[in-house]
Each structure stands twice: as structure tokens, then as C-alpha cells.
Amino acid sequence: MKQKLKSFFTDNHLIKLASLNSISIVVRVLTGFITSKFIAIFVGPSGLALVGNLRDFMTSVQAFSTLGLYNGIIKYVAEFKSDVKELSKTISTTFYLLLFSSSIVGVYCFFNAHYLNEALFTREHNYVHIIKILAVALPFYTMKTLVFSVLNGLSKQKKLLFITILSHIIGVAINGFLIWKFQLKGALIHIAAVEIVLCLITLFGVSRFWNTARVISFKKINLKSIKNLSVFSIMALFSATVLPMVSVLIRNYIIDGLGENAAGYWVAMGRISNYYLMFISSLVTLYILPRFASIHTNLEFRKEVWSFYKTIVPIFGLGLVVIYICRNLIIQVIFTKDFSEVQELFFWQLLGDFLKVLSMVVSYQFLAKKMLWHYMLSEIFSVTLLYFASIYFIDIYGLKGVVIAHFVDYLLYYILLLTIFYKALFGKLLEKK
């Protein structure tokens, strides 16, 4: 028994990857916490709001500059990694697509910086030069994203995680210096320009990428690759626009009915949730998507899903129990005692997040196998249900209603996924010899 347990932890690739990924997540959480403290001390609440506006804007702009192709590149690199000719076509096509899209978005942001400044910061603040810096940095971000997706598709997760950890450490050092030296302007400069530094770190950290770069050629642009990748673009851009819009609508409903403080408590609960979900979401991206892309039978799909459920989900569930027990301490460490009412939201949020993880693993099959309509219809079902359930439960239970809606949404969404993949997960399958 002892030998089996030892073998489980030493020979299981998923466990090894999860252990290394945990280090990356811990570094990411710590650097995020340090950045939050610096902003709280040197910038203050009003400055934090402007930082949030620029960060949200940057997230949307980055999604359009990469055309939402990150997961698609992972899939096709993983699928063609043993076929040099097809791999070359895929990398060449994505390289020029990302270069073109990031240039277009960058040029638009650069020459419309005054308009964007008014939309983000109002006329009282002049940060036009910050937006222009962000525009110049976009091509660097897309190139870093391309390298990361290629490494992921080639299953070079250790190298990828090492670069990620190093980038977070260097990034927080630069951010701390800029905030200390220039306060709010320094925080905004970091958000806009840090991707240039991170891109250079990535390229220097991956010497083998230069060998891959040799296969990039304009003549190898392939229309079939563009068509294949367009499916992933539609999926990603849909999520990048619809989900934030629904969140804004729900937040505005809370503000109108319960006040700004209540909306702030919900945002705080969401931030805590994002911290512990980083572990699972990054692990799923690193392992599940490349793996699903390389398998071709329902039997292999079933094995991978149940393997993840048996190895990772119990650990995650135990972690959620610990988080619930320590919720008051967590609130005081991350925020202040003024956010004590957030503790009332933990129970339903944690239950919903547990179901979210179960759903996330299965739903990545939509991406891996380009199941566009299944993905779109299930996402529309989920976000529509979330909005109307939130309105309904908020009217009955107050702020707690929004996290109850979160739980109900993922419960029904998970049931829908199990229905779609019932045969693959529970039906009778014959293993091909």
C-alpha cells in the first residue's frame, strides 16, 4: 500500500504538473497581494478605480489583438507536433494573423487615445500617453502569447511555468518601483508597458523558440489553418464580450437596489474566488486542453476526465473546506475588517465554484474538438440563466442571492454538460485493440 501511494505521487504526470503549477500560483498570488498593498498605500481607493478601468480595458483589447486564438494554437500545435510541415503552416499562419490583428488594434488605440482617455478616466485626468504606450506594447503581448501557446502545445509545461514565475517576480519588482516613484502614473505605466519587458524575458528564456521561428514564412500561410482557428476565435471573443457585459448588468442591479457597498462586497468575493481558482484554471489550460486535443476516442476522453476527478478534485474540495473555515482570516488579510460582510457569501460561492471546476474539465472538450454550436448554445444558456437567476434571488435574499444564483447556474450547466457527453462519460464503450 505504501509503495502504491509513493508510486502514485512520483509517477503520476498530472500530480507532478499540479505540484509545479502550485508554485507558480503561489508566486502569482503573492505578487498580486504585494501589488495590491503598494497601490493601497501609495495610490489609494480613487486611484485603484482608475487602475481597474485601465486593466479591464487592456484585457478586452488584448483579447481582440490575439483574436482569441490562444486555445486554438495549443490544440493544433499539440495535434501537429510530430508533423513538421503542418506545424510550420500553423505557426506561420498564427504569427502573421496575430501580427496583423495586434497592429490594427494598436494603431486604432494610438490614434484614438484622446477619446479612449475620456472614456476611461474622464476629462479630469490626462493619461493619453499611457494609452499610446499600451498601443505600442500590444504586438509584444501577442508575440509572448504565441510563444506561450506553442510551448503549451508542445507540452513544455515546466519551461512555461518557469518563465511565468520569473515574469511575475520581475513584474512585481518593476511595478513596486514605478508605484513608489510615480504613484498612480507609475501603476498605469506598468499596466501599459510591462508586456514589452515580459515578451523579452520570454524570448530570452526560450532559446529553442528561435529554432521554431525558422519555420515561420509568409509563403506558408494556410487558408485551412485560418478556417480551423476561426472557430476558436469566435468562441473566445464571445466569452470576452458577453460574460463581462452580464457581470456589469448584475453589478449595476445590485448598486441600484442594495447600494455601492454591497456591489463592492460581491466584487471582493469574486477576487477571492479568482485567487483559489487560478490553480485549477491554469492546470486545466496546461494539461487538459493539450491532452484532449491529442486524443481521438471517447474511451480516452473518459479516462482523462475521471483521472482529473480522482487526482485533483478531492484536493481542491479539501482546499475549499479550509477556505470556508478560515474565511474571516482571509478577508482581514486580503482586505480589511470593513469587508466582514463578505463572509456571508462564502458558502454558496464555494459550492458554485466546486461545480464550476467539474464543469470546466468537461467543457474543454468543446474547444479541443471545435464543437462550436454546442459551446455557443451552452454558454448562452449559462449566462442567460445567471442573469435572470441573479435578479430573482437578489429580490428574495438580498446580496446573498447573487451567489445562490452562481450555484444554481453551474448546477444546471453541469447537468447540461453531462447530458451532452453522457455516452462518452457513462455509456458502454469498447476499447479498440
Protein backbone atom coordinates (compact mmCIF):
# COMPACT_ATOMS: atom_id res chain seq x y z
CA MET A 1 0.00 0.00 0.00
CA LYS A 2 2.83 2.38 0.93
CA GLN A 3 4.62 1.56 -2.32
CA LYS A 4 1.45 2.19 -4.36
CA LEU A 5 0.92 5.54 -2.68
CA LYS A 6 4.54 6.53 -3.33
CA SER A 7 4.23 5.43 -6.96
CA PHE A 8 1.02 7.45 -7.33
CA PHE A 9 2.76 10.69 -6.39
CA THR A 10 6.08 10.04 -8.16
CA ASP A 11 4.83 8.54 -11.44
CA ASN A 12 1.60 10.49 -11.99
CA HIS A 13 2.32 13.21 -14.57
CA LEU A 14 -0.77 15.19 -13.56
CA ILE A 15 0.31 15.24 -9.90
CA LYS A 16 3.83 16.38 -10.87
CA LEU A 17 2.45 19.13 -13.07
CA ALA A 18 -0.01 20.18 -10.35
CA SER A 19 2.84 20.46 -7.84
CA LEU A 20 4.91 22.68 -10.12
CA ASN A 21 1.81 24.66 -11.08
CA SER A 22 1.09 25.24 -7.37
CA ILE A 23 4.43 27.01 -7.02
CA SER A 24 3.53 29.26 -9.96
CA ILE A 25 0.13 30.07 -8.44
CA VAL A 26 1.60 30.82 -5.02
CA VAL A 27 4.07 33.23 -6.64
CA ARG A 28 1.26 34.82 -8.65
CA VAL A 29 -0.96 35.27 -5.57
CA LEU A 30 1.90 36.70 -3.50
CA THR A 31 2.96 39.14 -6.21
CA GLY A 32 -0.67 40.18 -6.68
CA PHE A 33 -1.02 40.74 -2.94
CA ILE A 34 2.18 42.83 -2.83
CA THR A 35 0.96 44.92 -5.77
CA SER A 36 -2.42 45.48 -4.07
CA LYS A 37 -0.68 46.68 -0.89
CA PHE A 38 1.55 49.06 -2.84
CA ILE A 39 -1.47 50.51 -4.65
CA ALA A 40 -3.43 50.82 -1.39
CA ILE A 41 -0.54 52.68 0.32
CA PHE A 42 0.70 54.94 -2.49
CA VAL A 43 -2.34 55.33 -4.75
CA GLY A 44 -5.47 55.00 -2.62
CA PRO A 45 -9.09 53.97 -3.37
CA SER A 46 -9.75 56.58 -6.08
CA GLY A 47 -6.54 55.65 -7.90
CA LEU A 48 -7.41 51.97 -7.58
CA ALA A 49 -10.61 52.61 -9.52
CA LEU A 50 -8.62 54.16 -12.40
CA VAL A 51 -6.17 51.24 -12.31
CA GLY A 52 -9.15 48.87 -12.55
CA ASN A 53 -10.57 50.74 -15.53
CA LEU A 54 -7.30 50.56 -17.45
CA ARG A 55 -6.79 46.89 -16.55
CA ASP A 56 -10.29 45.93 -17.72
CA PHE A 57 -9.78 47.89 -20.94
CA MET A 58 -6.41 46.23 -21.52
CA THR A 59 -7.94 42.77 -21.03
CA SER A 60 -10.53 43.41 -23.73
CA VAL A 61 -8.00 44.98 -26.11
CA GLN A 62 -5.60 42.05 -25.63
CA ALA A 63 -8.40 39.59 -26.39
CA PHE A 64 -9.07 41.28 -29.74
CA SER A 65 -5.38 41.74 -30.56
CA THR A 66 -4.84 37.97 -30.21
CA LEU A 67 -8.20 37.20 -31.88
CA GLY A 68 -8.88 34.79 -29.02
CA LEU A 69 -6.61 32.19 -30.67
CA TYR A 70 -4.62 31.05 -27.62
CA ASN A 71 -6.51 27.78 -27.10
CA GLY A 72 -6.71 27.14 -30.84
CA ILE A 73 -2.94 27.43 -31.23
CA ILE A 74 -2.45 25.00 -28.34
CA LYS A 75 -4.78 22.47 -29.96
CA TYR A 76 -3.18 22.49 -33.42
CA VAL A 77 0.41 22.62 -32.19
CA ALA A 78 -0.37 19.62 -29.97
CA GLU A 79 -2.04 17.85 -32.90
CA PHE A 80 0.74 18.53 -35.43
CA LYS A 81 3.83 18.50 -33.20
CA SER A 82 5.08 15.35 -34.94
CA ASP A 83 4.25 16.70 -38.41
CA VAL A 84 6.80 19.43 -39.22
CA LYS A 85 5.07 20.54 -42.42
CA GLU A 86 1.64 21.07 -40.83
CA LEU A 87 3.21 22.55 -37.70
CA SER A 88 5.07 25.08 -39.84
CA LYS A 89 1.83 26.08 -41.59
CA THR A 90 0.04 26.51 -38.26
CA ILE A 91 2.77 28.61 -36.64
CA SER A 92 3.31 30.73 -39.76
CA THR A 93 -0.42 31.41 -40.13
CA THR A 94 -0.93 32.35 -36.49
CA PHE A 95 2.22 34.50 -36.42
CA TYR A 96 1.05 36.73 -39.27
CA LEU A 97 -2.56 36.75 -38.08
CA LEU A 98 -1.51 37.97 -34.63
CA LEU A 99 0.95 40.47 -36.07
CA PHE A 100 -1.76 41.90 -38.32
CA SER A 101 -4.52 42.00 -35.68
CA SER A 102 -2.32 43.49 -32.96
CA SER A 103 -1.07 46.15 -35.37
CA ILE A 104 -4.61 47.11 -36.37
CA VAL A 105 -5.83 47.29 -32.76
CA GLY A 106 -2.64 49.10 -31.71
CA VAL A 107 -2.97 51.73 -34.46
CA TYR A 108 -6.63 52.29 -33.53
CA CYS A 109 -5.78 52.79 -29.84
CA PHE A 110 -2.82 55.05 -30.62
CA PHE A 111 -4.71 57.47 -32.87
CA ASN A 112 -7.87 57.42 -30.72
CA ALA A 113 -6.03 57.83 -27.43
CA HIS A 114 -7.79 61.12 -26.56
CA TYR A 115 -11.25 59.58 -26.99
CA LEU A 116 -10.28 56.46 -25.02
CA ASN A 117 -8.77 58.62 -22.26
CA GLU A 118 -12.09 60.42 -21.78
CA ALA A 119 -14.00 57.13 -21.77
CA LEU A 120 -11.69 55.52 -19.21
CA PHE A 121 -10.57 58.37 -16.98
CA THR A 122 -12.96 61.29 -17.73
CA ARG A 123 -11.70 64.70 -18.83
CA GLU A 124 -10.25 65.45 -15.39
CA HIS A 125 -7.37 63.03 -15.98
CA ASN A 126 -4.99 63.20 -18.92
CA TYR A 127 -3.35 59.82 -19.48
CA VAL A 128 -3.28 59.90 -23.28
CA HIS A 129 0.39 58.96 -23.25
CA ILE A 130 -0.41 55.85 -21.16
CA ILE A 131 -2.86 54.62 -23.79
CA LYS A 132 -0.30 55.25 -26.54
CA ILE A 133 2.27 53.19 -24.61
CA LEU A 134 -0.31 50.40 -24.31
CA ALA A 135 -0.91 50.55 -28.07
CA VAL A 136 2.81 50.19 -28.81
CA ALA A 137 3.07 47.25 -26.37
CA LEU A 138 0.26 45.21 -27.97
CA PRO A 139 2.41 43.45 -30.64
CA PHE A 140 4.84 42.43 -27.88
CA TYR A 141 1.95 40.91 -25.91
CA THR A 142 0.73 38.93 -28.92
CA MET A 143 4.23 37.55 -29.60
CA LYS A 144 4.55 36.47 -25.96
CA THR A 145 1.12 34.83 -26.22
CA LEU A 146 2.21 32.99 -29.39
CA VAL A 147 5.34 31.63 -27.68
CA PHE A 148 3.34 30.57 -24.60
CA SER A 149 0.73 28.76 -26.69
CA VAL A 150 3.38 26.97 -28.79
CA LEU A 151 5.20 25.82 -25.64
CA ASN A 152 1.92 24.63 -24.18
CA GLY A 153 1.00 22.72 -27.34
CA LEU A 154 4.45 21.09 -27.37
CA SER A 155 3.84 20.01 -23.72
CA LYS A 156 6.76 22.10 -22.44
CA GLN A 157 4.85 22.93 -19.26
CA LYS A 158 7.90 23.03 -16.97
CA LYS A 159 9.62 25.60 -19.16
CA LEU A 160 6.38 27.57 -19.44
CA LEU A 161 5.83 27.62 -15.68
CA PHE A 162 9.45 28.65 -15.05
CA ILE A 163 9.09 31.63 -17.40
CA THR A 164 5.74 32.52 -15.80
CA ILE A 165 7.21 32.50 -12.29
CA LEU A 166 10.22 34.57 -13.37
CA SER A 167 7.94 37.05 -15.18
CA HIS A 168 5.76 37.55 -12.09
CA ILE A 169 8.78 38.19 -9.87
CA ILE A 170 10.38 40.70 -12.26
CA GLY A 171 6.99 42.27 -12.98
CA VAL A 172 6.17 42.95 -9.32
CA ALA A 173 9.66 44.43 -8.77
CA ILE A 174 9.16 46.85 -11.68
CA ASN A 175 5.62 47.65 -10.55
CA GLY A 176 6.71 48.33 -6.97
CA PHE A 177 9.43 50.72 -8.13
CA LEU A 178 7.13 52.61 -10.53
CA ILE A 179 4.36 52.98 -7.92
CA TRP A 180 6.86 54.12 -5.28
CA LYS A 181 8.43 56.63 -7.68
CA PHE A 182 5.41 57.93 -9.64
CA GLN A 183 2.36 56.78 -7.58
CA LEU A 184 -0.77 56.46 -9.77
CA LYS A 185 1.04 57.28 -13.01
CA GLY A 186 3.60 54.57 -12.21
CA ALA A 187 0.87 51.96 -11.71
CA LEU A 188 -0.70 52.88 -15.05
CA ILE A 189 2.64 52.85 -16.86
CA HIS A 190 3.32 49.36 -15.51
CA ILE A 191 -0.01 48.02 -16.79
CA ALA A 192 0.57 49.57 -20.22
CA ALA A 193 4.26 48.78 -20.75
CA VAL A 194 5.09 45.67 -18.73
CA GLU A 195 4.24 43.33 -21.64
CA ILE A 196 7.27 44.65 -23.55
CA VAL A 197 9.56 43.50 -20.74
CA LEU A 198 7.74 40.18 -20.31
CA CYS A 199 7.98 39.46 -24.04
CA LEU A 200 11.76 40.00 -23.99
CA ILE A 201 12.09 37.77 -20.90
CA THR A 202 10.09 35.06 -22.68
CA LEU A 203 12.17 35.17 -25.87
CA PHE A 204 15.46 35.10 -23.96
CA GLY A 205 14.16 32.33 -21.69
CA VAL A 206 13.20 30.06 -24.58
CA SER A 207 16.27 29.64 -26.74
CA ARG A 208 14.70 26.73 -28.63
CA PHE A 209 11.95 29.01 -29.84
CA TRP A 210 14.41 30.54 -32.28
CA ASN A 211 14.65 27.14 -33.99
CA THR A 212 10.86 27.14 -34.25
CA ALA A 213 10.94 30.69 -35.61
CA ARG A 214 12.88 29.47 -38.64
CA VAL A 215 9.81 27.61 -39.89
CA ILE A 216 7.81 30.86 -39.99
CA SER A 217 7.32 32.02 -43.54
CA PHE A 218 4.75 34.23 -45.25
CA LYS A 219 4.53 31.66 -48.07
CA LYS A 220 3.31 29.04 -45.57
CA ILE A 221 0.15 30.93 -44.61
CA ASN A 222 -2.62 28.39 -44.96
CA LEU A 223 -6.31 29.22 -45.53
CA LYS A 224 -7.34 25.91 -43.99
CA SER A 225 -5.50 26.83 -40.80
CA ILE A 226 -7.29 30.20 -40.73
CA LYS A 227 -10.62 28.43 -41.10
CA ASN A 228 -9.79 25.96 -38.32
CA LEU A 229 -8.60 28.71 -35.97
CA SER A 230 -11.63 30.91 -36.66
CA VAL A 231 -13.79 28.57 -34.61
CA PHE A 232 -11.64 29.21 -31.53
CA SER A 233 -11.65 32.93 -32.25
CA ILE A 234 -15.45 33.03 -32.27
CA MET A 235 -15.61 31.08 -29.01
CA ALA A 236 -13.05 33.20 -27.18
CA LEU A 237 -14.32 36.59 -28.39
CA PHE A 238 -17.88 35.59 -27.48
CA SER A 239 -16.80 34.85 -23.90
CA ALA A 240 -14.64 38.00 -23.78
CA THR A 241 -17.63 40.22 -24.59
CA VAL A 242 -20.80 38.54 -23.27
CA LEU A 243 -19.60 37.41 -19.83
CA PRO A 244 -18.21 40.83 -18.73
CA MET A 245 -21.39 42.53 -20.02
CA VAL A 246 -23.62 40.25 -17.90
CA SER A 247 -21.41 40.90 -14.86
CA VAL A 248 -21.77 44.66 -15.36
CA LEU A 249 -25.56 44.36 -15.64
CA ILE A 250 -25.77 42.32 -12.43
CA ARG A 251 -23.41 44.73 -10.62
CA ASN A 252 -25.49 47.73 -11.69
CA TYR A 253 -28.65 45.98 -10.47
CA ILE A 254 -27.02 45.44 -7.07
CA ILE A 255 -25.91 49.11 -6.92
CA ASP A 256 -29.42 50.35 -7.76
CA GLY A 257 -31.14 48.06 -5.27
CA LEU A 258 -28.63 47.47 -2.45
CA GLY A 259 -26.01 50.21 -2.84
CA GLU A 260 -22.37 50.50 -3.91
CA ASN A 261 -21.00 48.84 -0.76
CA ALA A 262 -23.00 45.68 -1.47
CA ALA A 263 -21.64 45.61 -5.03
CA GLY A 264 -18.15 46.03 -3.58
CA TYR A 265 -18.66 43.02 -1.31
CA TRP A 266 -19.61 40.91 -4.32
CA VAL A 267 -16.53 42.11 -6.23
CA ALA A 268 -14.37 41.26 -3.20
CA MET A 269 -15.84 37.73 -3.09
CA GLY A 270 -15.11 37.39 -6.79
CA ARG A 271 -11.47 38.39 -6.27
CA ILE A 272 -11.02 35.81 -3.51
CA SER A 273 -12.62 33.22 -5.77
CA ASN A 274 -10.25 34.13 -8.61
CA TYR A 275 -7.24 33.59 -6.34
CA TYR A 276 -8.01 29.96 -5.50
CA LEU A 277 -9.42 29.17 -8.96
CA MET A 278 -6.10 30.21 -10.52
CA PHE A 279 -4.71 26.79 -9.58
CA ILE A 280 -7.39 24.80 -11.39
CA SER A 281 -7.87 27.07 -14.41
CA SER A 282 -4.15 27.22 -15.20
CA LEU A 283 -3.77 23.48 -14.65
CA VAL A 284 -6.69 22.76 -16.99
CA THR A 285 -5.15 25.03 -19.65
CA LEU A 286 -1.71 23.47 -19.22
CA TYR A 287 -2.78 19.83 -19.18
CA ILE A 288 -6.41 19.18 -20.15
CA LEU A 289 -6.63 21.14 -23.42
CA PRO A 290 -3.43 19.75 -25.00
CA ARG A 291 -4.37 16.28 -23.82
CA PHE A 292 -7.95 16.46 -25.14
CA ALA A 293 -6.60 17.75 -28.46
CA SER A 294 -4.35 14.71 -28.85
CA ILE A 295 -6.92 12.00 -28.02
CA HIS A 296 -9.40 10.64 -30.55
CA THR A 297 -11.72 8.21 -28.74
CA ASN A 298 -14.48 8.52 -26.15
CA LEU A 299 -12.69 5.95 -24.02
CA GLU A 300 -9.55 8.12 -23.76
CA PHE A 301 -11.71 11.17 -23.04
CA ARG A 302 -13.48 9.30 -20.23
CA LYS A 303 -10.18 8.17 -18.73
CA GLU A 304 -8.77 11.70 -18.69
CA VAL A 305 -11.88 13.21 -17.11
CA TRP A 306 -12.13 10.61 -14.35
CA SER A 307 -8.37 10.75 -13.78
CA PHE A 308 -8.63 14.50 -13.15
CA TYR A 309 -11.65 14.00 -10.92
CA LYS A 310 -9.83 11.37 -8.85
CA THR A 311 -6.49 13.16 -8.50
CA ILE A 312 -7.16 16.91 -8.44
CA VAL A 313 -10.81 17.44 -7.47
CA PRO A 314 -10.54 15.84 -3.97
CA ILE A 315 -7.57 18.09 -3.17
CA PHE A 316 -9.47 21.11 -4.47
CA GLY A 317 -12.57 20.17 -2.45
CA LEU A 318 -10.49 19.85 0.72
CA GLY A 319 -8.96 23.25 -0.02
CA LEU A 320 -12.44 24.79 -0.29
CA VAL A 321 -13.33 23.41 3.16
CA VAL A 322 -10.19 25.01 4.62
CA ILE A 323 -11.01 28.30 2.89
CA TYR A 324 -14.52 28.28 4.36
CA ILE A 325 -13.22 27.64 7.87
CA CYS A 326 -10.62 30.42 7.53
CA ARG A 327 -12.89 32.88 5.70
CA ASN A 328 -12.71 35.61 8.37
CA LEU A 329 -8.91 35.49 8.45
CA ILE A 330 -8.74 35.55 4.63
CA ILE A 331 -10.93 38.66 4.46
CA GLN A 332 -8.77 40.50 7.02
CA VAL A 333 -5.51 39.55 5.29
CA ILE A 334 -6.58 40.43 1.74
CA PHE A 335 -8.88 43.34 2.57
CA THR A 336 -9.87 44.94 5.91
CA LYS A 337 -12.46 44.46 8.65
CA ASP A 338 -14.77 46.76 6.68
CA PHE A 339 -15.36 43.81 4.33
CA SER A 340 -16.56 41.45 7.09
CA GLU A 341 -19.97 41.06 5.42
CA VAL A 342 -18.27 39.17 2.59
CA GLN A 343 -18.15 36.11 4.86
CA GLU A 344 -21.89 35.65 4.31
CA LEU A 345 -21.23 34.98 0.63
CA PHE A 346 -18.64 32.22 1.01
CA PHE A 347 -20.87 29.15 1.37
CA TRP A 348 -22.79 29.43 -1.91
CA GLN A 349 -19.78 30.84 -3.77
CA LEU A 350 -17.62 27.87 -2.80
CA LEU A 351 -20.33 25.35 -3.73
CA GLY A 352 -20.77 27.07 -7.10
CA ASP A 353 -17.01 27.13 -7.70
CA PHE A 354 -16.75 23.40 -6.96
CA LEU A 355 -19.36 22.71 -9.65
CA LYS A 356 -17.60 25.22 -11.91
CA VAL A 357 -14.41 23.15 -11.77
CA LEU A 358 -16.28 19.92 -12.51
CA SER A 359 -17.89 21.65 -15.50
CA MET A 360 -14.65 23.28 -16.67
CA VAL A 361 -12.90 19.96 -17.19
CA VAL A 362 -15.69 18.52 -19.35
CA SER A 363 -16.42 21.74 -21.26
CA TYR A 364 -12.84 21.94 -22.59
CA GLN A 365 -13.84 19.15 -24.94
CA PHE A 366 -15.86 21.80 -26.81
CA LEU A 367 -12.62 23.67 -27.51
CA ALA A 368 -10.49 20.62 -28.18
CA LYS A 369 -12.93 19.19 -30.73
CA LYS A 370 -14.22 22.52 -32.15
CA MET A 371 -17.80 21.87 -31.05
CA LEU A 372 -18.80 25.47 -31.88
CA TRP A 373 -22.57 25.27 -31.65
CA HIS A 374 -22.53 23.15 -28.53
CA TYR A 375 -20.21 25.71 -26.95
CA MET A 376 -22.20 28.76 -28.05
CA LEU A 377 -25.60 27.39 -27.04
CA SER A 378 -24.38 26.11 -23.66
CA GLU A 379 -22.68 29.47 -22.93
CA ILE A 380 -25.81 31.40 -23.91
CA PHE A 381 -27.83 29.11 -21.65
CA SER A 382 -25.40 29.68 -18.77
CA VAL A 383 -25.11 33.48 -18.96
CA THR A 384 -28.85 33.95 -19.52
CA LEU A 385 -29.63 31.72 -16.55
CA LEU A 386 -27.06 33.54 -14.42
CA TYR A 387 -28.57 36.96 -15.15
CA PHE A 388 -32.21 36.09 -14.54
CA ALA A 389 -31.43 33.83 -11.55
CA SER A 390 -29.40 36.67 -10.01
CA ILE A 391 -32.27 39.14 -10.41
CA TYR A 392 -34.74 36.63 -8.96
CA PHE A 393 -32.67 35.57 -5.93
CA ILE A 394 -31.40 39.11 -5.16
CA ASP A 395 -35.03 40.27 -4.87
CA ILE A 396 -35.69 37.46 -2.39
CA TYR A 397 -32.45 37.05 -0.38
CA GLY A 398 -30.61 40.34 -0.95
CA LEU A 399 -26.90 40.22 -1.78
CA LYS A 400 -26.67 36.53 -0.87
CA GLY A 401 -28.98 35.90 -3.83
CA VAL A 402 -26.22 36.62 -6.35
CA VAL A 403 -24.04 33.77 -5.05
CA ILE A 404 -27.05 31.46 -4.80
CA ALA A 405 -27.64 32.22 -8.49
CA HIS A 406 -23.97 31.39 -9.13
CA PHE A 407 -24.51 27.95 -7.57
CA VAL A 408 -27.79 27.29 -9.42
CA ASP A 409 -26.23 28.39 -12.72
CA TYR A 410 -23.31 25.93 -12.51
CA LEU A 411 -25.50 23.13 -11.17
CA LEU A 412 -27.78 23.27 -14.20
CA TYR A 413 -24.84 23.95 -16.56
CA TYR A 414 -23.05 20.83 -15.26
CA ILE A 415 -26.19 18.76 -15.73
CA LEU A 416 -26.40 20.06 -19.30
CA LEU A 417 -22.77 19.06 -19.97
CA LEU A 418 -23.32 15.58 -18.53
CA THR A 419 -26.33 15.21 -20.82
CA ILE A 420 -24.32 16.25 -23.90
CA PHE A 421 -21.41 13.92 -23.06
CA TYR A 422 -23.48 11.15 -21.45
CA LYS A 423 -22.39 8.45 -23.89
CA ALA A 424 -18.71 9.38 -23.69
CA LEU A 425 -18.68 9.51 -19.88
CA PHE A 426 -21.20 6.85 -18.84
CA GLY A 427 -22.18 4.82 -21.93
CA LYS A 428 -20.85 1.39 -22.83
CA LEU A 429 -17.61 1.71 -24.78
CA LEU A 430 -15.41 -0.84 -26.48
CA GLU A 431 -11.67 -0.28 -26.38
CA LYS A 432 -10.12 -0.59 -29.84
CA LYS A 433 -7.27 -3.06 -29.99
